[in-house]
PDB file of N, CA and C in Angstrom:
ATOM      1  N   MET A   1      35.179   1.593  44.075  1.00  0.00           N
ATOM      2  CA  MET A   1      33.685   1.378  43.787  1.00  0.00           C
ATOM      3  C   MET A   1      33.138   2.345  42.876  1.00  0.00           C
ATOM      4  N   SER A   2      33.611   3.415  42.552  1.00  0.00           N
ATOM      5  CA  SER A   2      33.127   4.331  41.743  1.00  0.00           C
ATOM      6  C   SER A   2      33.153   3.677  40.324  1.00  0.00           C
ATOM      7  N   ILE A   3      34.166   2.990  39.954  1.00  0.00           N
ATOM      8  CA  ILE A   3      34.127   2.331  38.660  1.00  0.00           C
ATOM      9  C   ILE A   3      33.107   1.413  38.517  1.00  0.00           C
ATOM     10  N   LEU A   4      32.744   0.586  39.409  1.00  0.00           N
ATOM     11  CA  LEU A   4      31.580  -0.329  39.397  1.00  0.00           C
ATOM     12  C   LEU A   4      30.333   0.466  39.249  1.00  0.00           C
ATOM     13  N   ARG A   5      30.242   1.537  40.060  1.00  0.00           N
ATOM     14  CA  ARG A   5      28.965   2.422  39.845  1.00  0.00           C
ATOM     15  C   ARG A   5      28.839   3.014  38.600  1.00  0.00           C
ATOM     16  N   SER A   6      29.834   3.388  37.979  1.00  0.00           N
ATOM     17  CA  SER A   6      29.978   4.028  36.664  1.00  0.00           C
ATOM     18  C   SER A   6      29.489   2.819  35.667  1.00  0.00           C
ATOM     19  N   LEU A   7      29.939   1.757  35.848  1.00  0.00           N
ATOM     20  CA  LEU A   7      29.716   0.674  34.889  1.00  0.00           C
ATOM     21  C   LEU A   7      28.193   0.441  34.953  1.00  0.00           C
ATOM     22  N   THR A   8      27.688   0.298  36.131  1.00  0.00           N
ATOM     23  CA  THR A   8      26.153   0.004  36.391  1.00  0.00           C
ATOM     24  C   THR A   8      25.393   1.098  35.883  1.00  0.00           C
ATOM     25  N   ASP A   9      25.838   2.253  36.125  1.00  0.00           N
ATOM     26  CA  ASP A   9      24.917   3.376  35.514  1.00  0.00           C
ATOM     27  C   ASP A   9      24.833   3.367  34.115  1.00  0.00           C
ATOM     28  N   GLY A  10      26.097   3.122  33.478  1.00  0.00           N
ATOM     29  CA  GLY A  10      26.151   3.020  32.037  1.00  0.00           C
ATOM     30  C   GLY A  10      25.434   1.715  31.390  1.00  0.00           C
ATOM     31  N   MET A  11      25.328   0.686  31.940  1.00  0.00           N
ATOM     32  CA  MET A  11      24.450  -0.400  31.624  1.00  0.00           C
ATOM     33  C   MET A  11      23.129   0.075  31.730  1.00  0.00           C
ATOM     34  N   GLY A  12      22.727   0.643  32.785  1.00  0.00           N
ATOM     35  CA  GLY A  12      21.226   1.032  32.940  1.00  0.00           C
ATOM     36  C   GLY A  12      20.885   2.095  31.778  1.00  0.00           C
ATOM     37  N   HIS A  13      21.618   2.834  31.373  1.00  0.00           N
ATOM     38  CA  HIS A  13      21.390   3.801  30.348  1.00  0.00           C
ATOM     39  C   HIS A  13      21.131   2.995  28.958  1.00  0.00           C
ATOM     40  N   LEU A  14      22.060   2.044  28.897  1.00  0.00           N
ATOM     41  CA  LEU A  14      22.025   1.246  27.583  1.00  0.00           C
ATOM     42  C   LEU A  14      20.711   0.510  27.653  1.00  0.00           C
ATOM     43  N   THR A  15      20.393  -0.128  28.703  1.00  0.00           N
ATOM     44  CA  THR A  15      19.191  -0.900  28.946  1.00  0.00           C
ATOM     45  C   THR A  15      17.986  -0.132  28.597  1.00  0.00           C
ATOM     46  N   ASP A  16      17.920   1.029  29.106  1.00  0.00           N
ATOM     47  CA  ASP A  16      16.740   2.106  28.992  1.00  0.00           C
ATOM     48  C   ASP A  16      16.646   2.347  27.456  1.00  0.00           C
ATOM     49  N   GLY A  17      17.810   2.605  26.835  1.00  0.00           N
ATOM     50  CA  GLY A  17      17.780   2.979  25.430  1.00  0.00           C
ATOM     51  C   GLY A  17      17.361   2.009  24.583  1.00  0.00           C
ATOM     52  N   ALA A  18      17.739   0.694  24.884  1.00  0.00           N
ATOM     53  CA  ALA A  18      17.185  -0.515  24.132  1.00  0.00           C
ATOM     54  C   ALA A  18      15.872  -0.600  24.096  1.00  0.00           C
ATOM     55  N   ARG A  19      15.348  -0.465  25.505  1.00  0.00           N
ATOM     56  CA  ARG A  19      13.729  -0.824  25.741  1.00  0.00           C
ATOM     57  C   ARG A  19      13.111   0.392  24.954  1.00  0.00           C
ATOM     58  N   ARG A  20      13.530   1.663  24.992  1.00  0.00           N
ATOM     59  CA  ARG A  20      12.945   2.762  24.081  1.00  0.00           C
ATOM     60  C   ARG A  20      12.917   2.437  22.678  1.00  0.00           C
ATOM     61  N   SER A  21      13.958   1.900  22.249  1.00  0.00           N
ATOM     62  CA  SER A  21      14.278   1.446  20.730  1.00  0.00           C
ATOM     63  C   SER A  21      13.189   0.336  20.495  1.00  0.00           C
ATOM     64  N   VAL A  22      13.143  -0.701  21.195  1.00  0.00           N
ATOM     65  CA  VAL A  22      12.138  -1.694  20.990  1.00  0.00           C
ATOM     66  C   VAL A  22      10.675  -1.245  20.843  1.00  0.00           C
ATOM     67  N   ALA A  23      10.363  -0.331  22.001  1.00  0.00           N
ATOM     68  CA  ALA A  23       9.008   0.303  21.990  1.00  0.00           C
ATOM     69  C   ALA A  23       8.635   1.032  20.856  1.00  0.00           C
ATOM     70  N   ARG A  24       9.768   1.786  20.301  1.00  0.00           N
ATOM     71  CA  ARG A  24       9.431   2.660  19.227  1.00  0.00           C
ATOM     72  C   ARG A  24       9.267   1.736  17.967  1.00  0.00           C
ATOM     73  N   ALA A  25      10.062   0.768  17.845  1.00  0.00           N
ATOM     74  CA  ALA A  25       9.997  -0.118  16.524  1.00  0.00           C
ATOM     75  C   ALA A  25       8.640  -0.889  16.588  1.00  0.00           C
ATOM     76  N   ARG A  26       8.370  -1.158  17.773  1.00  0.00           N
ATOM     77  CA  ARG A  26       6.855  -1.866  17.934  1.00  0.00           C
ATOM     78  C   ARG A  26       5.736  -0.841  17.321  1.00  0.00           C
ATOM     79  N   LEU A  27       5.790   0.244  18.017  1.00  0.00           N
ATOM     80  CA  LEU A  27       4.717   1.275  17.641  1.00  0.00           C
ATOM     81  C   LEU A  27       4.691   1.721  16.252  1.00  0.00           C
ATOM     82  N   GLU A  28       6.130   1.799  15.691  1.00  0.00           N
ATOM     83  CA  GLU A  28       5.978   2.136  14.169  1.00  0.00           C
ATOM     84  C   GLU A  28       5.523   0.958  13.399  1.00  0.00           C
ATOM     85  N   ALA A  29       5.793  -0.252  13.669  1.00  0.00           N
ATOM     86  CA  ALA A  29       5.287  -1.462  12.945  1.00  0.00           C
ATOM     87  C   ALA A  29       3.743  -1.336  13.069  1.00  0.00           C
ATOM     88  N   GLU A  30       3.127  -0.981  14.239  1.00  0.00           N
ATOM     89  CA  GLU A  30       1.718  -1.022  14.317  1.00  0.00           C
ATOM     90  C   GLU A  30       1.272   0.038  13.640  1.00  0.00           C
ATOM     91  N   HIS A  31       1.762   1.383  13.435  1.00  0.00           N
ATOM     92  CA  HIS A  31       1.392   2.362  12.721  1.00  0.00           C
ATOM     93  C   HIS A  31       1.312   1.990  11.216  1.00  0.00           C
ATOM     94  N   ARG A  32       2.393   1.292  10.689  1.00  0.00           N
ATOM     95  CA  ARG A  32       2.486   0.951   9.381  1.00  0.00           C
ATOM     96  C   ARG A  32       1.207  -0.194   8.903  1.00  0.00           C
ATOM     97  N   THR A  33       1.004  -1.067   9.912  1.00  0.00           N
ATOM     98  CA  THR A  33      -0.015  -1.949   9.655  1.00  0.00           C
ATOM     99  C   THR A  33      -1.364  -1.334   9.757  1.00  0.00           C
ATOM    100  N   LEU A  34      -1.566  -0.322  10.553  1.00  0.00           N
ATOM    101  CA  LEU A  34      -2.730   0.439  10.597  1.00  0.00           C
ATOM    102  C   LEU A  34      -2.955   1.238   9.175  1.00  0.00           C
ATOM    103  N   GLN A  35      -1.825   1.766   8.707  1.00  0.00           N
ATOM    104  CA  GLN A  35      -1.767   2.453   7.462  1.00  0.00           C
ATOM    105  C   GLN A  35      -2.152   1.545   6.223  1.00  0.00           C
ATOM    106  N   ARG A  36      -1.583   0.471   6.300  1.00  0.00           N
ATOM    107  CA  ARG A  36      -1.955  -0.523   5.160  1.00  0.00           C
ATOM    108  C   ARG A  36      -3.453  -1.014   5.334  1.00  0.00           C
ATOM    109  N   ARG A  37      -3.919  -1.167   6.525  1.00  0.00           N
ATOM    110  CA  ARG A  37      -5.331  -1.613   6.560  1.00  0.00           C
ATOM    111  C   ARG A  37      -6.164  -0.335   6.235  1.00  0.00           C
ATOM    112  N   HIS A  38      -5.800   0.825   6.418  1.00  0.00           N
ATOM    113  CA  HIS A  38      -6.540   1.965   6.029  1.00  0.00           C
ATOM    114  C   HIS A  38      -6.624   2.184   4.434  1.00  0.00           C
ATOM    115  N   ALA A  39      -5.422   2.017   3.976  1.00  0.00           N
ATOM    116  CA  ALA A  39      -5.265   1.866   2.362  1.00  0.00           C
ATOM    117  C   ALA A  39      -6.165   0.769   1.819  1.00  0.00           C
ATOM    118  N   GLN A  40      -6.170  -0.366   2.393  1.00  0.00           N
ATOM    119  CA  GLN A  40      -6.997  -1.331   1.912  1.00  0.00           C
ATOM    120  C   GLN A  40      -8.312  -1.054   1.864  1.00  0.00           C
ATOM    121  N   ALA A  41      -8.821  -0.608   3.019  1.00  0.00           N
ATOM    122  CA  ALA A  41     -10.236  -0.174   3.269  1.00  0.00           C
ATOM    123  C   ALA A  41     -10.665   0.991   2.226  1.00  0.00           C
ATOM    124  N   LEU A  42      -9.666   1.876   1.896  1.00  0.00           N
ATOM    125  CA  LEU A  42     -10.019   2.878   0.973  1.00  0.00           C
ATOM    126  C   LEU A  42     -10.049   2.265  -0.326  1.00  0.00           C
ATOM    127  N   GLN A  43      -9.167   1.377  -0.685  1.00  0.00           N
ATOM    128  CA  GLN A  43      -9.305   0.680  -2.010  1.00  0.00           C
ATOM    129  C   GLN A  43     -10.503  -0.068  -2.303  1.00  0.00           C
ATOM    130  N   GLU A  44     -10.924  -0.844  -1.191  1.00  0.00           N
ATOM    131  CA  GLU A  44     -12.245  -1.513  -1.304  1.00  0.00           C
ATOM    132  C   GLU A  44     -13.461  -0.667  -1.352  1.00  0.00           C
ATOM    133  N   LEU A  45     -13.424   0.414  -0.684  1.00  0.00           N
ATOM    134  CA  LEU A  45     -14.429   1.521  -0.737  1.00  0.00           C
ATOM    135  C   LEU A  45     -14.592   2.023  -2.389  1.00  0.00           C
ATOM    136  N   GLY A  46     -13.347   2.363  -2.754  1.00  0.00           N
ATOM    137  CA  GLY A  46     -13.316   2.920  -4.112  1.00  0.00           C
ATOM    138  C   GLY A  46     -14.019   1.807  -5.118  1.00  0.00           C
ATOM    139  N   GLN A  47     -13.709   0.583  -5.010  1.00  0.00           N
ATOM    140  CA  GLN A  47     -14.053  -0.333  -6.003  1.00  0.00           C
ATOM    141  C   GLN A  47     -15.551  -0.428  -5.756  1.00  0.00           C
ATOM    142  N   ARG A  48     -15.978  -0.596  -4.623  1.00  0.00           N
ATOM    143  CA  ARG A  48     -17.466  -0.563  -4.384  1.00  0.00           C
ATOM    144  C   ARG A  48     -18.180   0.580  -4.915  1.00  0.00           C
ATOM    145  N   VAL A  49     -17.821   1.785  -4.822  1.00  0.00           N
ATOM    146  CA  VAL A  49     -18.286   2.859  -5.325  1.00  0.00           C
ATOM    147  C   VAL A  49     -18.404   2.798  -6.842  1.00  0.00           C
ATOM    148  N   HIS A  50     -17.369   2.379  -7.431  1.00  0.00           N
ATOM    149  CA  HIS A  50     -17.156   2.256  -8.758  1.00  0.00           C
ATOM    150  C   HIS A  50     -18.177   1.281  -9.411  1.00  0.00           C
ATOM    151  N   GLU A  51     -18.385   0.207  -8.637  1.00  0.00           N
ATOM    152  CA  GLU A  51     -19.321  -0.876  -9.043  1.00  0.00           C
ATOM    153  C   GLU A  51     -20.726  -0.183  -8.982  1.00  0.00           C
ATOM    154  N   LEU A  52     -21.041   0.531  -7.940  1.00  0.00           N
ATOM    155  CA  LEU A  52     -22.393   1.006  -7.689  1.00  0.00           C
ATOM    156  C   LEU A  52     -22.760   2.083  -8.777  1.00  0.00           C
ATOM    157  N   ALA A  53     -21.711   2.976  -9.001  1.00  0.00           N
ATOM    158  CA  ALA A  53     -21.859   3.941  -9.951  1.00  0.00           C
ATOM    159  C   ALA A  53     -22.191   3.408 -11.395  1.00  0.00           C
ATOM    160  N   GLY A  54     -21.621   2.279 -11.787  1.00  0.00           N
ATOM    161  CA  GLY A  54     -21.556   1.599 -12.895  1.00  0.00           C
ATOM    162  C   GLY A  54     -22.992   1.151 -13.090  1.00  0.00           C
ATOM    163  N   ARG A  55     -23.636   0.725 -11.992  1.00  0.00           N
ATOM    164  CA  ARG A  55     -24.941   0.148 -12.135  1.00  0.00           C
ATOM    165  C   ARG A  55     -26.032   1.082 -11.863  1.00  0.00           C
ATOM    166  N   GLY A  56     -25.691   2.519 -11.895  1.00  0.00           N
ATOM    167  CA  GLY A  56     -26.411   3.683 -11.564  1.00  0.00           C
ATOM    168  C   GLY A  56     -27.253   3.651 -10.172  1.00  0.00           C
ATOM    169  N   VAL A  57     -26.442   3.005  -9.154  1.00  0.00           N
ATOM    170  CA  VAL A  57     -27.022   3.064  -7.961  1.00  0.00           C
ATOM    171  C   VAL A  57     -26.497   4.324  -7.129  1.00  0.00           C
ATOM    172  N   VAL A  58     -25.446   4.755  -7.462  1.00  0.00           N
ATOM    173  CA  VAL A  58     -24.722   6.106  -6.902  1.00  0.00           C
ATOM    174  C   VAL A  58     -24.635   6.970  -8.072  1.00  0.00           C
ATOM    175  N   ALA A  59     -25.182   8.238  -7.729  1.00  0.00           N
ATOM    176  CA  ALA A  59     -24.987   9.234  -8.685  1.00  0.00           C
ATOM    177  C   ALA A  59     -23.494   9.472  -9.083  1.00  0.00           C
ATOM    178  N   GLU A  60     -23.385   9.476 -10.561  1.00  0.00           N
ATOM    179  CA  GLU A  60     -21.971   9.810 -10.918  1.00  0.00           C
ATOM    180  C   GLU A  60     -21.648  11.145 -10.990  1.00  0.00           C
ATOM    181  N   ALA A  61     -22.383  12.104 -10.911  1.00  0.00           N
ATOM    182  CA  ALA A  61     -22.001  13.466 -10.956  1.00  0.00           C
ATOM    183  C   ALA A  61     -20.909  13.956 -10.011  1.00  0.00           C
ATOM    184  N   PRO A  62     -21.024  13.612  -8.859  1.00  0.00           N
ATOM    185  CA  PRO A  62     -20.173  14.239  -7.698  1.00  0.00           C
ATOM    186  C   PRO A  62     -18.806  13.400  -7.840  1.00  0.00           C
ATOM    187  N   LEU A  63     -18.920  12.276  -8.600  1.00  0.00           N
ATOM    188  CA  LEU A  63     -17.640  11.499  -8.734  1.00  0.00           C
ATOM    189  C   LEU A  63     -17.082  11.418 -10.359  1.00  0.00           C
ATOM    190  N   SER A  64     -17.556  12.327 -11.127  1.00  0.00           N
ATOM    191  CA  SER A  64     -17.345  12.320 -12.376  1.00  0.00           C
ATOM    192  C   SER A  64     -15.777  12.351 -12.640  1.00  0.00           C
ATOM    193  N   VAL A  65     -15.131  13.109 -12.135  1.00  0.00           N
ATOM    194  CA  VAL A  65     -13.632  13.232 -12.367  1.00  0.00           C
ATOM    195  C   VAL A  65     -12.955  12.036 -12.045  1.00  0.00           C
ATOM    196  N   GLU A  66     -13.317  11.475 -10.772  1.00  0.00           N
ATOM    197  CA  GLU A  66     -12.711  10.216 -10.269  1.00  0.00           C
ATOM    198  C   GLU A  66     -12.999   9.055 -11.206  1.00  0.00           C
ATOM    199  N   LEU A  67     -14.281   9.050 -11.484  1.00  0.00           N
ATOM    200  CA  LEU A  67     -14.695   7.794 -12.343  1.00  0.00           C
ATOM    201  C   LEU A  67     -14.040   7.905 -13.740  1.00  0.00           C
ATOM    202  N   ALA A  68     -13.995   9.169 -14.297  1.00  0.00           N
ATOM    203  CA  ALA A  68     -13.291   9.416 -15.619  1.00  0.00           C
ATOM    204  C   ALA A  68     -11.876   8.985 -15.452  1.00  0.00           C
ATOM    205  N   GLN A  69     -11.124   9.163 -14.465  1.00  0.00           N
ATOM    206  CA  GLN A  69      -9.665   8.596 -14.330  1.00  0.00           C
ATOM    207  C   GLN A  69      -9.836   7.207 -14.310  1.00  0.00           C
ATOM    208  N   VAL A  70     -10.555   6.463 -13.484  1.00  0.00           N
ATOM    209  CA  VAL A  70     -10.611   5.122 -13.473  1.00  0.00           C
ATOM    210  C   VAL A  70     -11.004   4.588 -14.826  1.00  0.00           C
ATOM    211  N   ARG A  71     -11.937   4.994 -15.409  1.00  0.00           N
ATOM    212  CA  ARG A  71     -12.234   4.421 -16.680  1.00  0.00           C
ATOM    213  C   ARG A  71     -10.999   4.669 -17.731  1.00  0.00           C
ATOM    214  N   GLU A  72     -10.321   5.877 -17.783  1.00  0.00           N
ATOM    215  CA  GLU A  72      -9.241   6.065 -18.489  1.00  0.00           C
ATOM    216  C   GLU A  72      -8.143   5.041 -18.157  1.00  0.00           C
ATOM    217  N   HIS A  73      -7.759   4.733 -16.872  1.00  0.00           N
ATOM    218  CA  HIS A  73      -6.861   3.577 -16.546  1.00  0.00           C
ATOM    219  C   HIS A  73      -7.356   2.285 -16.890  1.00  0.00           C
ATOM    220  N   GLU A  74      -8.574   2.094 -16.987  1.00  0.00           N
ATOM    221  CA  GLU A  74      -9.088   0.803 -17.227  1.00  0.00           C
ATOM    222  C   GLU A  74      -8.780   0.513 -18.842  1.00  0.00           C
ATOM    223  N   MET A  75      -8.957   1.546 -19.497  1.00  0.00           N
ATOM    224  CA  MET A  75      -8.730   1.395 -21.187  1.00  0.00           C
ATOM    225  C   MET A  75      -7.263   1.223 -21.269  1.00  0.00           C
ATOM    226  N   LEU A  76      -6.473   2.125 -20.474  1.00  0.00           N
ATOM    227  CA  LEU A  76      -4.989   2.009 -20.794  1.00  0.00           C
ATOM    228  C   LEU A  76      -4.567   0.616 -20.486  1.00  0.00           C
ATOM    229  N   ILE A  77      -5.107   0.022 -19.246  1.00  0.00           N
ATOM    230  CA  ILE A  77      -4.658  -1.328 -18.866  1.00  0.00           C
ATOM    231  C   ILE A  77      -4.996  -2.292 -19.911  1.00  0.00           C
ATOM    232  N   ALA A  78      -6.216  -2.299 -20.341  1.00  0.00           N
ATOM    233  CA  ALA A  78      -6.818  -3.105 -21.548  1.00  0.00           C
ATOM    234  C   ALA A  78      -5.738  -2.954 -22.779  1.00  0.00           C
ATOM    235  N   ALA A  79      -5.411  -1.814 -23.193  1.00  0.00           N
ATOM    236  CA  ALA A  79      -4.609  -1.563 -24.191  1.00  0.00           C
ATOM    237  C   ALA A  79      -3.289  -2.084 -23.907  1.00  0.00           C
ATOM    238  N   LYS A  80      -2.794  -2.054 -22.903  1.00  0.00           N
ATOM    239  CA  LYS A  80      -1.389  -2.567 -22.480  1.00  0.00           C
ATOM    240  C   LYS A  80      -1.374  -4.173 -22.575  1.00  0.00           C
ATOM    241  N   VAL A  81      -2.592  -4.718 -22.002  1.00  0.00           N
ATOM    242  CA  VAL A  81      -2.589  -6.175 -22.132  1.00  0.00           C
ATOM    243  C   VAL A  81      -2.778  -6.649 -23.351  1.00  0.00           C
ATOM    244  N   ALA A  82      -3.438  -5.847 -24.250  1.00  0.00           N
ATOM    245  CA  ALA A  82      -3.359  -6.351 -25.669  1.00  0.00           C
ATOM    246  C   ALA A  82      -1.983  -6.166 -26.278  1.00  0.00           C
ATOM    247  N   GLU A  83      -1.275  -5.263 -25.993  1.00  0.00           N
ATOM    248  CA  GLU A  83       0.138  -5.188 -26.515  1.00  0.00           C
ATOM    249  C   GLU A  83       0.900  -6.426 -26.015  1.00  0.00           C
ATOM    250  N   ILE A  84       0.947  -6.647 -24.771  1.00  0.00           N
ATOM    251  CA  ILE A  84       1.520  -7.666 -24.231  1.00  0.00           C
ATOM    252  C   ILE A  84       1.275  -9.036 -24.916  1.00  0.00           C
ATOM    253  N   ASP A  85      -0.110  -9.319 -25.124  1.00  0.00           N
ATOM    254  CA  ASP A  85      -0.715 -10.581 -25.771  1.00  0.00           C
ATOM    255  C   ASP A  85      -0.142 -10.599 -27.169  1.00  0.00           C
ATOM    256  N   ALA A  86      -0.159  -9.417 -27.825  1.00  0.00           N
ATOM    257  CA  ALA A  86       0.477  -9.404 -29.316  1.00  0.00           C
ATOM    258  C   ALA A  86       1.810  -9.758 -29.419  1.00  0.00           C
ATOM    259  N   LEU A  87       2.603  -9.192 -28.462  1.00  0.00           N
ATOM    260  CA  LEU A  87       4.098  -9.360 -28.278  1.00  0.00           C
ATOM    261  C   LEU A  87       4.273 -10.899 -28.077  1.00  0.00           C
ATOM    262  N   THR A  88       3.513 -11.398 -27.076  1.00  0.00           N
ATOM    263  CA  THR A  88       3.616 -12.777 -26.715  1.00  0.00           C
ATOM    264  C   THR A  88       3.264 -13.778 -27.925  1.00  0.00           C
ATOM    265  N   PHE A  89       2.251 -13.382 -28.652  1.00  0.00           N
ATOM    266  CA  PHE A  89       1.924 -14.229 -29.799  1.00  0.00           C
ATOM    267  C   PHE A  89       2.955 -14.223 -30.930  1.00  0.00           C
ATOM    268  N   GLN A  90       3.550 -12.995 -31.146  1.00  0.00           N
ATOM    269  CA  GLN A  90       4.557 -12.700 -32.019  1.00  0.00           C
ATOM    270  C   GLN A  90       5.923 -13.543 -31.691  1.00  0.00           C
ATOM    271  N   GLU A  91       6.204 -13.551 -30.412  1.00  0.00           N
ATOM    272  CA  GLU A  91       7.345 -14.295 -30.013  1.00  0.00           C
ATOM    273  C   GLU A  91       7.067 -15.840 -30.115  1.00  0.00           C
ATOM    274  N   THR A  92       5.803 -16.414 -29.766  1.00  0.00           N
ATOM    275  CA  THR A  92       5.557 -17.731 -29.914  1.00  0.00           C
ATOM    276  C   THR A  92       5.571 -18.187 -31.382  1.00  0.00           C
ATOM    277  N   THR A  93       5.112 -17.168 -32.400  1.00  0.00           N
ATOM    278  CA  THR A  93       5.126 -17.833 -33.798  1.00  0.00           C
ATOM    279  C   THR A  93       6.509 -17.730 -34.322  1.00  0.00           C
ATOM    280  N   GLU A  94       7.322 -16.680 -33.852  1.00  0.00           N
ATOM    281  CA  GLU A  94       8.772 -16.655 -34.560  1.00  0.00           C
ATOM    282  C   GLU A  94       9.548 -17.742 -33.949  1.00  0.00           C
ATOM    283  N   ASP A  95       9.346 -18.326 -32.720  1.00  0.00           N
ATOM    284  CA  ASP A  95       9.967 -19.634 -32.144  1.00  0.00           C
ATOM    285  C   ASP A  95       9.568 -20.668 -32.832  1.00  0.00           C
ATOM    286  N   ALA A  96       8.365 -20.711 -33.294  1.00  0.00           N
ATOM    287  CA  ALA A  96       7.892 -22.069 -33.873  1.00  0.00           C
ATOM    288  C   ALA A  96       8.541 -22.303 -35.280  1.00  0.00           C
TER     289      ALA A  96
END
């Protein structure tokens, strides 16, 4: 009877461990979802502040460093798009 008892106890420990693993995985998935939602909310807030600062509705002084970084990145992105467009144009004219 002790072998049967040992097997039963072992299966119980495995089952408990599996339940804890599933619970942990569920909680971690919920945590990641909340983090993504938070990051999305911050992104939307930043976009809105940028828009309002551009229209003069929000004072730029407290945000001057951040707004300068955003504007710099916008210029860099525009320059990169221009480079891509130029390369694409060059490729299409060479193929023709």
